[in-house]
Amino acid sequence: MSVTPFLEVSQAIAAMGGDTLYQCMQCGLCSGLCPWPAVGGEFRTRQLIRMGQLGLEGFESDDILYACTTCKLCVVNCPRQVGIIDVVKAMRAMIAESGAAPQMLRTIMGSIHSKGNPWSEDRDKREKWTEGQDVPKFTEGTEYFLSVCCTSAYDPRSQAIARALNKILKAAGVSFGIIGNEESCCGEALRKMGDEEQFQALAGKNIELFNNKGVKKIITTSPHCYATFTQEYPELGGEFEVIHYTQLLKQLIDEGKLKLSGSLAKKVIYHDPCYLGRHTEVFEAPRDVLKAVPGVELVEFDRNKKMALCCGGGGGRLWMETEPEQRFSTHKMREADQKGAQVLATACPYCINMFTDSAKGENLDEKIAVMDISEIIAEAL
């Protein structure tokens, strides 16, 4: 990569939201907390910040910048409150604008642009997961728009999440519906991968669609959509009442509207998705929902809640190759096994994909079931 004059780079980073760049005092806490060095990765957070200050000098590989999963562990522990993810996004935006982003991510961005999803699937297949499910459509008077993220809509494994939630919401008498094939990706992946211009354009179209349909309240299956709708759409004029499905299930259980007659007499370990935990601070609702299932013995990872280890799928990493020994999800599967867990539960389609792959890679898929909380609750109805 050619070196850009440092003033130009630092000003560009600041203009793109990374204006806390120069608050960094190079203490190194971020690098010590980052999961990458622990698994042999080359990513060094402090070094990245310094490169931004010096005009990307010595930045030999774009792949290193795209190693960041945007897990936010560094941000929530930074003593100077440096917006490290904002800096990463700004630096990625500069790379993406020049067309130098990794090829796989350019393919993903292109798919979102042309098809409205990152899975290179045709738009008219977005409702395929609903086949045989009797899923209601959002119409005037419907209380909630159920936002089924692209992963839950198109990915075969994650489609089970959408189906389970449809079953649960109908059982609880919730007024909800999907928009369907008119829906597009929330755009979170675009912004995190560096395509800021297209993110804003896509978000604007989504906001217009939601407003035209009369959407006021949104249920999300994905923490990534939840974080985007609550933290990023408002700055673009998208003001909606948004709830992650685990929060809603907690409410329904507390109000007696969702009754769990089945049981799951197993040891369940819960993984905090980064975008549900650190990004949006939803820690207790998923745990409370799991505790409401008769028979469940809930156990914790050594690192949990605010300090939880990422699955490795955020920031575009879901679509990038990672050596098995460097997969964060692999190390967490091993810990789950050591703790005697029979089920690894989480509440994010990205995490489900990452852990499902790692369970197979570690030959643990017959020993530990990887399940979304929605699947557990659907079985307990």
Protein backbone atom coordinates (compact mmCIF):
# COMPACT_ATOMS: atom_id res chain seq x y z
CA MET A 1 0.00 0.00 0.00
CA SER A 2 1.28 3.45 -0.84
CA VAL A 3 1.71 5.86 2.04
CA THR A 4 -0.59 8.87 2.10
CA PRO A 5 0.64 12.04 3.81
CA PHE A 6 -0.24 11.67 7.48
CA LEU A 7 -2.18 14.93 7.73
CA GLU A 8 -4.47 13.96 4.89
CA VAL A 9 -5.10 10.52 6.37
CA SER A 10 -5.70 11.72 9.92
CA GLN A 11 -8.08 14.41 8.69
CA ALA A 12 -9.94 11.88 6.57
CA ILE A 13 -10.24 9.49 9.50
CA ALA A 14 -11.57 12.29 11.70
CA ALA A 15 -14.06 13.35 9.03
CA MET A 16 -15.37 9.79 8.76
CA GLY A 17 -16.08 9.50 12.49
CA GLY A 18 -12.69 8.53 13.88
CA ASP A 19 -12.03 11.91 15.46
CA THR A 20 -10.84 10.31 18.72
CA LEU A 21 -7.73 8.98 16.94
CA TYR A 22 -5.36 11.38 18.69
CA GLN A 23 -6.74 10.65 22.17
CA CYS A 24 -4.75 7.40 22.09
CA MET A 25 -1.80 7.47 24.49
CA GLN A 26 -0.42 4.13 23.24
CA CYS A 27 -0.92 2.35 26.58
CA GLY A 28 -1.40 -0.97 24.80
CA LEU A 29 -4.44 -2.13 26.78
CA CYS A 30 -6.38 -2.65 23.55
CA SER A 31 -3.71 -4.94 22.10
CA GLY A 32 -3.59 -6.90 25.34
CA LEU A 33 -7.35 -7.45 25.31
CA CYS A 34 -7.75 -8.16 21.59
CA PRO A 35 -8.40 -11.88 20.97
CA TRP A 36 -6.21 -12.04 17.86
CA PRO A 37 -2.75 -12.17 19.48
CA ALA A 38 -3.95 -14.97 21.77
CA VAL A 39 -4.67 -17.19 18.74
CA GLY A 40 -1.53 -16.23 16.82
CA GLY A 41 -3.05 -13.52 14.65
CA GLU A 42 -1.04 -10.57 13.31
CA PHE A 43 -3.61 -7.90 14.18
CA ARG A 44 -2.35 -5.36 16.73
CA THR A 45 -4.83 -2.68 17.73
CA ARG A 46 -2.31 -0.19 19.08
CA GLN A 47 -0.19 -0.57 15.96
CA LEU A 48 -3.25 0.08 13.81
CA ILE A 49 -3.99 3.32 15.65
CA ARG A 50 -0.39 4.43 15.22
CA MET A 51 -0.50 3.65 11.52
CA GLY A 52 -3.55 5.87 11.18
CA GLN A 53 -1.74 8.69 12.93
CA LEU A 54 1.28 8.30 10.65
CA GLY A 55 -0.56 7.99 7.35
CA LEU A 56 -0.73 4.17 7.19
CA GLU A 57 3.05 3.99 6.97
CA GLY A 58 4.27 0.42 7.34
CA PHE A 59 0.80 -0.94 6.70
CA GLU A 60 1.85 -3.89 4.56
CA SER A 61 -1.41 -5.80 4.15
CA ASP A 62 -5.03 -4.72 3.78
CA ASP A 63 -5.97 -8.13 5.21
CA ILE A 64 -4.62 -7.08 8.61
CA LEU A 65 -7.02 -4.13 8.79
CA TYR A 66 -9.90 -6.43 7.88
CA ALA A 67 -8.99 -8.87 10.65
CA CYS A 68 -10.87 -6.71 13.18
CA THR A 69 -14.21 -8.28 14.08
CA THR A 70 -15.50 -5.00 15.58
CA CYS A 71 -16.20 -6.92 18.79
CA LYS A 72 -15.79 -3.70 20.85
CA LEU A 73 -13.78 -5.33 23.64
CA CYS A 74 -11.05 -2.75 23.14
CA VAL A 75 -13.47 0.17 23.06
CA VAL A 76 -15.33 -0.59 26.30
CA ASN A 77 -12.04 -0.97 28.16
CA CYS A 78 -10.11 1.97 26.64
CA PRO A 79 -9.12 4.45 29.40
CA ARG A 80 -9.14 7.32 26.89
CA GLN A 81 -12.42 6.30 25.25
CA VAL A 82 -10.88 6.10 21.80
CA GLY A 83 -13.51 5.10 19.25
CA ILE A 84 -11.34 2.34 17.84
CA ILE A 85 -14.11 0.80 15.74
CA ASP A 86 -14.85 4.23 14.25
CA VAL A 87 -11.17 4.53 13.36
CA VAL A 88 -11.21 1.07 11.77
CA LYS A 89 -14.36 1.90 9.79
CA ALA A 90 -12.79 5.13 8.56
CA MET A 91 -9.59 3.41 7.49
CA ARG A 92 -11.56 0.67 5.76
CA ALA A 93 -13.63 3.30 3.98
CA MET A 94 -10.46 4.81 2.57
CA ILE A 95 -9.31 1.41 1.36
CA ALA A 96 -12.73 0.46 -0.03
CA GLU A 97 -13.00 3.76 -1.89
CA SER A 98 -9.74 2.97 -3.68
CA GLY A 99 -11.04 -0.50 -4.61
CA ALA A 100 -8.41 -2.25 -2.50
CA ALA A 101 -10.65 -4.13 -0.05
CA PRO A 102 -10.16 -7.93 0.06
CA GLN A 103 -11.74 -9.63 -2.96
CA MET A 104 -14.22 -11.68 -0.94
CA LEU A 105 -15.56 -8.59 0.78
CA ARG A 106 -15.82 -6.75 -2.52
CA THR A 107 -17.99 -9.65 -3.69
CA ILE A 108 -20.17 -9.37 -0.57
CA MET A 109 -20.55 -5.61 -0.98
CA GLY A 110 -21.45 -6.11 -4.64
CA SER A 111 -24.11 -8.65 -3.71
CA ILE A 112 -25.70 -6.26 -1.23
CA HIS A 113 -25.69 -3.51 -3.86
CA SER A 114 -27.26 -5.63 -6.59
CA LYS A 115 -29.40 -8.17 -4.73
CA GLY A 116 -30.10 -6.54 -1.38
CA ASN A 117 -28.34 -9.27 0.60
CA PRO A 118 -24.78 -10.51 1.20
CA TRP A 119 -25.50 -14.11 0.24
CA SER A 120 -25.67 -13.61 -3.56
CA GLU A 121 -29.26 -14.85 -3.53
CA ASP A 122 -32.05 -13.44 -5.66
CA ARG A 123 -34.33 -10.98 -3.92
CA ASP A 124 -37.43 -13.03 -4.75
CA LYS A 125 -36.06 -15.87 -2.61
CA ARG A 126 -36.09 -13.82 0.59
CA GLU A 127 -39.39 -15.36 1.64
CA LYS A 128 -38.31 -18.93 0.89
CA TRP A 129 -37.87 -19.65 4.61
CA THR A 130 -41.62 -19.10 5.08
CA GLU A 131 -42.68 -22.07 2.96
CA GLY A 132 -45.13 -24.19 4.93
CA GLN A 133 -44.89 -21.84 7.92
CA ASP A 134 -47.98 -19.59 7.63
CA VAL A 135 -46.03 -16.39 8.27
CA PRO A 136 -48.19 -13.23 8.42
CA LYS A 137 -47.45 -10.21 6.25
CA PHE A 138 -47.11 -6.75 7.73
CA THR A 139 -50.22 -4.69 6.95
CA GLU A 140 -51.83 -1.54 8.28
CA GLY A 141 -52.65 -2.12 11.94
CA THR A 142 -49.94 -4.75 12.52
CA GLU A 143 -48.04 -3.91 15.71
CA TYR A 144 -44.57 -5.27 14.93
CA PHE A 145 -42.54 -5.60 11.77
CA LEU A 146 -40.48 -8.79 12.14
CA SER A 147 -37.12 -7.99 10.59
CA VAL A 148 -35.65 -11.33 9.60
CA CYS A 149 -32.04 -10.56 8.80
CA CYS A 150 -30.45 -11.71 5.55
CA THR A 151 -28.68 -14.59 7.28
CA SER A 152 -31.89 -15.92 8.83
CA ALA A 153 -33.71 -15.43 5.53
CA TYR A 154 -31.21 -17.05 3.17
CA ASP A 155 -28.78 -19.25 5.10
CA PRO A 156 -30.20 -22.79 5.47
CA ARG A 157 -28.95 -23.28 9.03
CA SER A 158 -30.13 -19.89 10.26
CA GLN A 159 -33.55 -20.15 8.63
CA ALA A 160 -34.48 -22.32 11.61
CA ILE A 161 -34.19 -19.20 13.78
CA ALA A 162 -36.80 -17.34 11.75
CA ARG A 163 -39.13 -20.34 11.72
CA ALA A 164 -38.79 -20.82 15.47
CA LEU A 165 -39.51 -17.18 16.18
CA ASN A 166 -42.57 -17.23 13.92
CA LYS A 167 -43.89 -20.19 15.93
CA ILE A 168 -43.20 -18.48 19.26
CA LEU A 169 -44.75 -15.13 18.36
CA LYS A 170 -47.91 -16.77 17.06
CA ALA A 171 -48.17 -18.90 20.22
CA ALA A 172 -47.91 -15.75 22.35
CA GLY A 173 -50.53 -13.90 20.31
CA VAL A 174 -48.18 -11.16 19.13
CA SER A 175 -49.37 -8.97 16.26
CA PHE A 176 -46.49 -9.13 13.78
CA GLY A 177 -45.67 -9.55 10.13
CA ILE A 178 -42.86 -9.54 7.59
CA ILE A 179 -42.55 -7.25 4.60
CA GLY A 180 -40.88 -9.99 2.58
CA ASN A 181 -39.22 -9.73 -0.80
CA GLU A 182 -39.23 -5.94 -0.71
CA GLU A 183 -36.85 -6.03 2.25
CA SER A 184 -33.11 -5.44 1.91
CA CYS A 185 -30.09 -5.87 4.15
CA CYS A 186 -29.95 -3.38 7.02
CA GLY A 187 -26.54 -2.36 5.66
CA GLU A 188 -24.51 -3.01 8.81
CA ALA A 189 -22.02 -5.16 6.91
CA LEU A 190 -21.51 -2.40 4.33
CA ARG A 191 -20.61 0.19 6.94
CA LYS A 192 -18.30 -2.16 8.85
CA MET A 193 -16.55 -3.22 5.65
CA GLY A 194 -15.99 0.38 4.62
CA ASP A 195 -18.67 1.13 2.03
CA GLU A 196 -20.09 4.16 3.80
CA GLU A 197 -21.72 5.74 0.76
CA GLN A 198 -23.72 2.64 -0.10
CA PHE A 199 -24.62 2.08 3.55
CA GLN A 200 -26.24 5.49 3.77
CA ALA A 201 -28.03 5.00 0.46
CA LEU A 202 -29.37 1.58 1.47
CA ALA A 203 -30.38 2.75 4.94
CA GLY A 204 -32.24 5.67 3.38
CA LYS A 205 -34.19 3.31 1.13
CA ASN A 206 -35.03 1.04 4.06
CA ILE A 207 -36.23 3.95 6.16
CA GLU A 208 -38.44 5.11 3.29
CA LEU A 209 -39.85 1.59 2.87
CA PHE A 210 -40.58 1.21 6.57
CA ASN A 211 -42.26 4.61 6.76
CA ASN A 212 -44.36 3.92 3.67
CA LYS A 213 -45.52 0.62 5.16
CA GLY A 214 -46.42 2.31 8.43
CA VAL A 215 -43.79 0.54 10.53
CA LYS A 216 -43.50 1.89 14.07
CA LYS A 217 -42.12 -1.09 16.00
CA ILE A 218 -39.49 -3.60 14.88
CA ILE A 219 -38.49 -7.03 16.21
CA THR A 220 -35.05 -8.20 15.08
CA THR A 221 -33.63 -11.71 14.91
CA SER A 222 -30.09 -10.38 14.57
CA PRO A 223 -28.16 -8.25 17.07
CA HIS A 224 -26.40 -6.67 14.10
CA CYS A 225 -29.71 -5.39 12.74
CA TYR A 226 -30.74 -4.38 16.27
CA ALA A 227 -27.60 -2.29 16.76
CA THR A 228 -27.94 -0.73 13.31
CA PHE A 229 -31.60 0.20 13.69
CA THR A 230 -31.13 1.62 17.20
CA GLN A 231 -27.73 3.29 16.92
CA GLU A 232 -27.21 4.21 13.27
CA TYR A 233 -30.58 4.70 11.57
CA PRO A 234 -31.67 7.57 13.86
CA GLU A 235 -28.84 9.77 12.52
CA LEU A 236 -30.35 9.22 9.05
CA GLY A 237 -33.93 9.97 10.12
CA GLY A 238 -35.02 6.43 10.96
CA GLU A 239 -36.84 6.67 14.29
CA PHE A 240 -38.42 3.35 15.22
CA GLU A 241 -39.12 1.45 18.43
CA VAL A 242 -36.77 -1.51 18.09
CA ILE A 243 -36.49 -4.61 20.26
CA HIS A 244 -34.33 -7.71 19.99
CA TYR A 245 -36.44 -10.82 20.14
CA THR A 246 -34.88 -12.02 23.43
CA GLN A 247 -36.05 -8.82 25.11
CA LEU A 248 -39.57 -9.38 23.81
CA LEU A 249 -39.60 -13.02 24.91
CA LYS A 250 -38.53 -11.94 28.39
CA GLN A 251 -41.49 -9.52 28.50
CA LEU A 252 -43.94 -12.13 27.23
CA ILE A 253 -42.79 -14.69 29.80
CA ASP A 254 -42.99 -12.17 32.64
CA GLU A 255 -46.50 -11.14 31.56
CA GLY A 256 -47.67 -14.75 31.36
CA LYS A 257 -48.35 -14.52 27.63
CA LEU A 258 -45.69 -17.07 26.72
CA LYS A 259 -46.01 -20.31 28.64
CA LEU A 260 -43.31 -22.97 28.49
CA SER A 261 -44.75 -26.42 29.15
CA GLY A 262 -41.84 -28.41 27.76
CA SER A 263 -38.49 -28.99 29.42
CA LEU A 264 -34.82 -29.18 28.52
CA ALA A 265 -32.97 -31.10 31.21
CA LYS A 266 -29.51 -30.17 29.97
CA LYS A 267 -26.51 -28.09 30.90
CA VAL A 268 -26.63 -24.98 28.70
CA ILE A 269 -23.77 -22.53 28.26
CA TYR A 270 -24.62 -19.08 26.91
CA HIS A 271 -22.45 -17.09 24.51
CA ASP A 272 -22.90 -13.30 24.52
CA PRO A 273 -23.05 -12.03 20.93
CA CYS A 274 -20.87 -8.91 20.71
CA TYR A 275 -23.59 -6.82 19.09
CA LEU A 276 -26.19 -7.85 21.67
CA GLY A 277 -23.83 -7.55 24.61
CA ARG A 278 -21.08 -4.96 24.38
CA HIS A 279 -22.63 -2.98 21.51
CA THR A 280 -26.17 -2.67 22.91
CA GLU A 281 -25.76 -3.88 26.53
CA VAL A 282 -28.42 -6.60 26.44
CA PHE A 283 -26.94 -9.10 28.87
CA GLU A 284 -29.70 -10.30 31.18
CA ALA A 285 -32.75 -10.84 28.94
CA PRO A 286 -31.26 -13.84 27.07
CA ARG A 287 -30.17 -15.43 30.34
CA ASP A 288 -33.56 -14.83 31.96
CA VAL A 289 -35.29 -16.47 29.00
CA LEU A 290 -33.05 -19.53 29.24
CA LYS A 291 -33.62 -19.76 33.01
CA ALA A 292 -37.37 -19.80 32.37
CA VAL A 293 -37.08 -23.12 30.52
CA PRO A 294 -37.82 -25.98 32.94
CA GLY A 295 -34.80 -28.22 33.48
CA VAL A 296 -32.14 -25.91 32.08
CA GLU A 297 -28.91 -25.68 34.08
CA LEU A 298 -27.31 -22.45 32.91
CA VAL A 299 -23.52 -22.21 33.09
CA GLU A 300 -21.16 -19.45 31.99
CA PHE A 301 -17.95 -19.13 30.04
CA ASP A 302 -15.02 -17.88 32.11
CA ARG A 303 -15.18 -14.69 30.05
CA ASN A 304 -18.77 -13.51 29.80
CA LYS A 305 -20.99 -10.46 29.47
CA LYS A 306 -18.83 -7.33 29.04
CA MET A 307 -15.62 -9.37 28.76
CA ALA A 308 -17.00 -12.17 26.57
CA LEU A 309 -14.83 -13.54 23.78
CA CYS A 310 -16.14 -12.84 20.28
CA CYS A 311 -17.22 -15.71 18.00
CA GLY A 312 -15.12 -14.18 15.22
CA GLY A 313 -17.90 -13.47 12.72
CA GLY A 314 -18.35 -9.69 12.95
CA GLY A 315 -16.86 -6.92 10.85
CA GLY A 316 -17.15 -8.97 7.66
CA ARG A 317 -15.18 -11.92 9.05
CA LEU A 318 -18.16 -14.26 8.59
CA TRP A 319 -17.30 -14.32 4.88
CA MET A 320 -13.52 -14.52 5.21
CA GLU A 321 -11.37 -17.61 5.64
CA THR A 322 -9.74 -18.12 9.04
CA GLU A 323 -7.38 -20.93 9.96
CA PRO A 324 -9.15 -23.41 12.29
CA GLU A 325 -6.73 -22.82 15.16
CA GLN A 326 -7.27 -19.05 14.88
CA ARG A 327 -11.06 -19.22 15.04
CA PHE A 328 -12.31 -17.72 18.29
CA SER A 329 -15.39 -19.94 18.06
CA THR A 330 -13.18 -23.04 18.08
CA HIS A 331 -11.58 -22.03 21.37
CA LYS A 332 -15.00 -21.34 22.87
CA MET A 333 -16.32 -24.73 21.74
CA ARG A 334 -13.40 -26.37 23.53
CA GLU A 335 -14.20 -24.45 26.70
CA ALA A 336 -17.87 -25.40 26.44
CA ASP A 337 -16.80 -29.04 26.22
CA GLN A 338 -14.50 -28.68 29.23
CA LYS A 339 -17.40 -27.28 31.25
CA GLY A 340 -19.59 -30.23 30.38
CA ALA A 341 -22.11 -28.22 28.36
CA GLN A 342 -24.61 -30.18 26.31
CA VAL A 343 -25.98 -27.11 24.54
CA LEU A 344 -24.22 -23.93 23.44
CA ALA A 345 -26.92 -21.29 23.23
CA THR A 346 -26.67 -17.86 21.67
CA ALA A 347 -28.94 -15.28 20.07
CA CYS A 348 -27.28 -14.27 16.80
CA PRO A 349 -27.33 -15.87 13.33
CA TYR A 350 -23.66 -14.99 12.77
CA CYS A 351 -22.67 -16.73 16.00
CA ILE A 352 -24.78 -19.76 15.11
CA ASN A 353 -22.88 -20.12 11.84
CA MET A 354 -19.48 -19.72 13.45
CA PHE A 355 -20.14 -22.19 16.28
CA THR A 356 -21.82 -24.73 14.02
CA ASP A 357 -18.72 -24.82 11.81
CA SER A 358 -16.36 -25.03 14.79
CA ALA A 359 -18.38 -27.79 16.45
CA LYS A 360 -18.03 -29.87 13.29
CA GLY A 361 -14.34 -29.04 12.99
CA GLU A 362 -13.71 -30.16 16.58
CA ASN A 363 -15.91 -33.27 16.21
CA LEU A 364 -18.16 -31.89 18.94
CA ASP A 365 -21.33 -31.57 16.87
CA GLU A 366 -22.71 -34.88 18.21
CA LYS A 367 -21.81 -33.94 21.78
CA ILE A 368 -22.77 -30.25 22.03
CA ALA A 369 -25.83 -28.88 20.25
CA VAL A 370 -25.40 -25.34 18.92
CA MET A 371 -28.79 -23.67 19.29
CA ASP A 372 -30.28 -20.23 19.04
CA ILE A 373 -32.43 -19.28 22.03
CA SER A 374 -35.44 -19.08 19.72
CA GLU A 375 -34.98 -22.76 18.84
CA ILE A 376 -34.81 -23.73 22.50
CA ILE A 377 -37.97 -21.79 23.35
CA ALA A 378 -39.85 -23.17 20.34
CA GLU A 379 -39.08 -26.70 21.56
CA ALA A 380 -40.24 -25.80 25.07
CA LEU A 381 -43.70 -24.57 24.03
